[in-house]
Amino acid sequence: MARLEDLENYESKISEKESEVTESNEKLEAANTKLEGIEDAISRLSDDTALQQSLQNQRAEAQNEKNEAESEASRIENDLHNMETELDSIEDANEQSESVISDLHSIGVDISEAESIVSQRRSEINASKGKVQQLLDNLKGR
């Protein structure tokens, strides 16, 4: 279970994932472009079997590159879903803290500083969740 203190690490984790998503999308786009170009050339060389055979080997290599890029994208997607789950746990813990300080307020304890901390965490959690969702959308929208 993620702890409230883990929230501080999410900005750097999200930044790292943002770079990974960008790189993954670029690799997949390049692999797709290469594969499509080779397949187009093969289809246009229908009468030249020697060149077609040569290009078939390159097509297989390009397909492997595409498969590797897709596997990497799946790993990143899984990491982002795990981050969502961790953020949900952090959010639950923050809500529990909010409930406890609310109880203190009912007995006359000044909770203004604690309320401020809970509110700040809520903002950070929501911002992090939004960014993770944006990265997932970006990854899926390739």
C-alpha atoms as a PDB file:
ATOM      1  CA  MET A   1       0.000   0.000   0.000  1.00  0.00           C
ATOM      2  CA  ALA A   2       1.303   3.407  -0.910  1.00  0.00           C
ATOM      3  CA  ARG A   3       1.948   5.831   1.909  1.00  0.00           C
ATOM      4  CA  LEU A   4       1.119   9.509   1.996  1.00  0.00           C
ATOM      5  CA  GLU A   5       4.827  10.305   2.008  1.00  0.00           C
ATOM      6  CA  ASP A   6       5.136   8.552  -1.360  1.00  0.00           C
ATOM      7  CA  LEU A   7       3.188  11.400  -2.931  1.00  0.00           C
ATOM      8  CA  GLU A   8       6.355  13.512  -2.955  1.00  0.00           C
ATOM      9  CA  ASN A   9       7.987  11.058  -5.375  1.00  0.00           C
ATOM     10  CA  TYR A  10       5.222  11.178  -7.949  1.00  0.00           C
ATOM     11  CA  GLU A  11       6.295  14.338  -9.705  1.00  0.00           C
ATOM     12  CA  SER A  12       9.611  12.775 -10.697  1.00  0.00           C
ATOM     13  CA  LYS A  13       8.010   9.396 -11.472  1.00  0.00           C
ATOM     14  CA  ILE A  14       5.492  11.065 -13.763  1.00  0.00           C
ATOM     15  CA  SER A  15       8.199  13.090 -15.478  1.00  0.00           C
ATOM     16  CA  GLU A  16      10.159   9.889 -16.081  1.00  0.00           C
ATOM     17  CA  LYS A  17       7.091   8.139 -17.497  1.00  0.00           C
ATOM     18  CA  GLU A  18       6.369  11.141 -19.704  1.00  0.00           C
ATOM     19  CA  SER A  19       9.789  10.719 -21.319  1.00  0.00           C
ATOM     20  CA  GLU A  20       9.223   6.985 -21.701  1.00  0.00           C
ATOM     21  CA  VAL A  21       5.825   7.521 -23.358  1.00  0.00           C
ATOM     22  CA  THR A  22       7.297  10.021 -25.814  1.00  0.00           C
ATOM     23  CA  GLU A  23      10.184   7.714 -26.666  1.00  0.00           C
ATOM     24  CA  SER A  24       7.890   4.699 -26.989  1.00  0.00           C
ATOM     25  CA  ASN A  25       5.521   6.532 -29.305  1.00  0.00           C
ATOM     26  CA  GLU A  26       8.431   7.684 -31.476  1.00  0.00           C
ATOM     27  CA  LYS A  27       9.875   4.161 -31.702  1.00  0.00           C
ATOM     28  CA  LEU A  28       6.533   2.654 -32.604  1.00  0.00           C
ATOM     29  CA  GLU A  29       5.839   5.310 -35.224  1.00  0.00           C
ATOM     30  CA  ALA A  30       9.273   4.777 -36.773  1.00  0.00           C
ATOM     31  CA  ALA A  31       8.814   0.999 -36.798  1.00  0.00           C
ATOM     32  CA  ASN A  32       5.374   1.310 -38.392  1.00  0.00           C
ATOM     33  CA  THR A  33       6.662   3.707 -41.046  1.00  0.00           C
ATOM     34  CA  LYS A  34       9.575   1.418 -41.867  1.00  0.00           C
ATOM     35  CA  LEU A  35       7.354  -1.676 -42.015  1.00  0.00           C
ATOM     36  CA  GLU A  36       4.755   0.038 -44.203  1.00  0.00           C
ATOM     37  CA  GLY A  37       7.462   1.272 -46.577  1.00  0.00           C
ATOM     38  CA  ILE A  38       8.957  -2.185 -46.942  1.00  0.00           C
ATOM     39  CA  GLU A  39       5.548  -3.797 -47.458  1.00  0.00           C
ATOM     40  CA  ASP A  40       4.700  -1.190 -50.079  1.00  0.00           C
ATOM     41  CA  ALA A  41       7.982  -1.850 -51.894  1.00  0.00           C
ATOM     42  CA  ILE A  42       7.373  -5.605 -51.815  1.00  0.00           C
ATOM     43  CA  SER A  43       3.935  -5.175 -53.338  1.00  0.00           C
ATOM     44  CA  ARG A  44       5.281  -2.911 -56.085  1.00  0.00           C
ATOM     45  CA  LEU A  45       8.045  -5.391 -56.942  1.00  0.00           C
ATOM     46  CA  SER A  46       5.681  -8.210 -57.776  1.00  0.00           C
ATOM     47  CA  ASP A  47       7.756  -9.240 -60.819  1.00  0.00           C
ATOM     48  CA  ASP A  48      11.149  -9.129 -59.093  1.00  0.00           C
ATOM     49  CA  THR A  49      11.244 -12.131 -56.781  1.00  0.00           C
ATOM     50  CA  ALA A  50      14.929 -11.702 -55.906  1.00  0.00           C
ATOM     51  CA  LEU A  51      14.340  -8.204 -54.542  1.00  0.00           C
ATOM     52  CA  GLN A  52      11.124  -9.314 -52.869  1.00  0.00           C
ATOM     53  CA  GLN A  53      13.031 -12.043 -51.022  1.00  0.00           C
ATOM     54  CA  SER A  54      15.665  -9.566 -49.907  1.00  0.00           C
ATOM     55  CA  LEU A  55      12.982  -7.201 -48.660  1.00  0.00           C
ATOM     56  CA  GLN A  56      11.171 -10.031 -46.857  1.00  0.00           C
ATOM     57  CA  ASN A  57      14.198 -10.359 -44.562  1.00  0.00           C
ATOM     58  CA  GLN A  58      14.114  -6.629 -43.871  1.00  0.00           C
ATOM     59  CA  ARG A  59      10.364  -6.855 -43.346  1.00  0.00           C
ATOM     60  CA  ALA A  60      10.915  -9.510 -40.660  1.00  0.00           C
ATOM     61  CA  GLU A  61      13.453  -7.267 -38.926  1.00  0.00           C
ATOM     62  CA  ALA A  62      11.064  -4.308 -39.096  1.00  0.00           C
ATOM     63  CA  GLN A  63       8.264  -6.464 -37.678  1.00  0.00           C
ATOM     64  CA  ASN A  64      10.542  -7.444 -34.773  1.00  0.00           C
ATOM     65  CA  GLU A  65      11.281  -3.778 -34.104  1.00  0.00           C
ATOM     66  CA  LYS A  66       7.555  -3.058 -34.090  1.00  0.00           C
ATOM     67  CA  ASN A  67       6.876  -5.956 -31.719  1.00  0.00           C
ATOM     68  CA  GLU A  68       9.583  -4.727 -29.338  1.00  0.00           C
ATOM     69  CA  ALA A  69       8.147  -1.203 -29.406  1.00  0.00           C
ATOM     70  CA  GLU A  70       4.658  -2.551 -28.699  1.00  0.00           C
ATOM     71  CA  SER A  71       5.983  -4.642 -25.790  1.00  0.00           C
ATOM     72  CA  GLU A  72       7.678  -1.577 -24.340  1.00  0.00           C
ATOM     73  CA  ALA A  73       4.466   0.422 -24.695  1.00  0.00           C
ATOM     74  CA  SER A  74       2.567  -2.330 -22.864  1.00  0.00           C
ATOM     75  CA  ARG A  75       5.102  -2.293 -20.039  1.00  0.00           C
ATOM     76  CA  ILE A  76       4.776   1.478 -19.721  1.00  0.00           C
ATOM     77  CA  GLU A  77       0.985   1.213 -19.769  1.00  0.00           C
ATOM     78  CA  ASN A  78       1.141  -1.367 -16.975  1.00  0.00           C
ATOM     79  CA  ASP A  79       3.449   0.907 -14.955  1.00  0.00           C
ATOM     80  CA  LEU A  80       1.016   3.796 -15.391  1.00  0.00           C
ATOM     81  CA  HIS A  81      -1.912   1.651 -14.251  1.00  0.00           C
ATOM     82  CA  ASN A  82       0.122   0.656 -11.192  1.00  0.00           C
ATOM     83  CA  MET A  83       0.749   4.329 -10.501  1.00  0.00           C
ATOM     84  CA  GLU A  84      -3.002   4.969 -10.714  1.00  0.00           C
ATOM     85  CA  THR A  85      -3.605   2.239  -8.140  1.00  0.00           C
ATOM     86  CA  GLU A  86      -0.944   3.664  -5.833  1.00  0.00           C
ATOM     87  CA  LEU A  87      -2.434   7.127  -6.168  1.00  0.00           C
ATOM     88  CA  ASP A  88      -5.845   5.713  -5.274  1.00  0.00           C
ATOM     89  CA  SER A  89      -4.301   4.220  -2.115  1.00  0.00           C
ATOM     90  CA  ILE A  90      -2.668   7.521  -1.261  1.00  0.00           C
ATOM     91  CA  GLU A  91      -5.990   9.268  -1.823  1.00  0.00           C
ATOM     92  CA  ASP A  92      -7.731   6.800   0.511  1.00  0.00           C
ATOM     93  CA  ALA A  93      -5.115   7.407   3.199  1.00  0.00           C
ATOM     94  CA  ASN A  94      -5.512  11.161   2.806  1.00  0.00           C
ATOM     95  CA  GLU A  95      -9.288  10.842   3.150  1.00  0.00           C
ATOM     96  CA  GLN A  96      -8.802   8.792   6.298  1.00  0.00           C
ATOM     97  CA  SER A  97      -6.541  11.510   7.687  1.00  0.00           C
ATOM     98  CA  GLU A  98      -9.168  14.087   6.804  1.00  0.00           C
ATOM     99  CA  SER A  99     -11.771  12.090   8.726  1.00  0.00           C
ATOM    100  CA  VAL A 100      -9.531  11.889  11.806  1.00  0.00           C
ATOM    101  CA  ILE A 101      -8.827  15.616  11.849  1.00  0.00           C
ATOM    102  CA  SER A 102     -12.517  16.297  11.360  1.00  0.00           C
ATOM    103  CA  ASP A 103     -13.153  14.312  14.543  1.00  0.00           C
ATOM    104  CA  LEU A 104     -10.597  16.485  16.325  1.00  0.00           C
ATOM    105  CA  HIS A 105     -12.368  19.593  15.119  1.00  0.00           C
ATOM    106  CA  SER A 106     -15.612  18.354  16.672  1.00  0.00           C
ATOM    107  CA  ILE A 107     -13.950  18.353  20.092  1.00  0.00           C
ATOM    108  CA  GLY A 108     -12.560  21.848  19.694  1.00  0.00           C
ATOM    109  CA  VAL A 109      -9.021  21.239  18.467  1.00  0.00           C
ATOM    110  CA  ASP A 110      -7.577  23.782  15.997  1.00  0.00           C
ATOM    111  CA  ILE A 111      -7.077  21.795  12.814  1.00  0.00           C
ATOM    112  CA  SER A 112      -6.413  24.612  10.362  1.00  0.00           C
ATOM    113  CA  GLU A 113      -2.821  23.538   9.638  1.00  0.00           C
ATOM    114  CA  ALA A 114      -3.852  19.887   9.267  1.00  0.00           C
ATOM    115  CA  GLU A 115      -6.703  20.868   6.943  1.00  0.00           C
ATOM    116  CA  SER A 116      -4.249  22.812   4.824  1.00  0.00           C
ATOM    117  CA  ILE A 117      -1.952  19.768   4.550  1.00  0.00           C
ATOM    118  CA  VAL A 118      -4.849  17.484   3.574  1.00  0.00           C
ATOM    119  CA  SER A 119      -6.067  20.004   1.028  1.00  0.00           C
ATOM    120  CA  GLN A 120      -2.595  20.388  -0.495  1.00  0.00           C
ATOM    121  CA  ARG A 121      -2.247  16.612  -0.750  1.00  0.00           C
ATOM    122  CA  ARG A 122      -5.651  16.363  -2.406  1.00  0.00           C
ATOM    123  CA  SER A 123      -4.547  18.895  -5.015  1.00  0.00           C
ATOM    124  CA  GLU A 124      -1.292  17.029  -5.639  1.00  0.00           C
ATOM    125  CA  ILE A 125      -3.094  13.689  -5.880  1.00  0.00           C
ATOM    126  CA  ASN A 126      -5.630  15.052  -8.366  1.00  0.00           C
ATOM    127  CA  ALA A 127      -2.904  16.680 -10.450  1.00  0.00           C
ATOM    128  CA  SER A 128      -0.890  13.449 -10.471  1.00  0.00           C
ATOM    129  CA  LYS A 129      -3.913  11.357 -11.385  1.00  0.00           C
ATOM    130  CA  GLY A 130      -4.734  13.749 -14.214  1.00  0.00           C
ATOM    131  CA  LYS A 131      -1.197  13.610 -15.559  1.00  0.00           C
ATOM    132  CA  VAL A 132      -1.085   9.795 -15.387  1.00  0.00           C
ATOM    133  CA  GLN A 133      -4.396   9.628 -17.255  1.00  0.00           C
ATOM    134  CA  GLN A 134      -3.058  12.067 -19.845  1.00  0.00           C
ATOM    135  CA  LEU A 135       0.006   9.845 -20.344  1.00  0.00           C
ATOM    136  CA  LEU A 136      -2.203   6.778 -20.739  1.00  0.00           C
ATOM    137  CA  ASP A 137      -4.295   8.610 -23.319  1.00  0.00           C
ATOM    138  CA  ASN A 138      -1.142   9.739 -25.129  1.00  0.00           C
ATOM    139  CA  LEU A 139       0.239   6.209 -25.108  1.00  0.00           C
ATOM    140  CA  LYS A 140      -2.988   4.686 -26.380  1.00  0.00           C
ATOM    141  CA  GLY A 141      -3.506   7.463 -28.922  1.00  0.00           C
ATOM    142  CA  ARG A 142      -0.279   6.731 -30.749  1.00  0.00           C
END
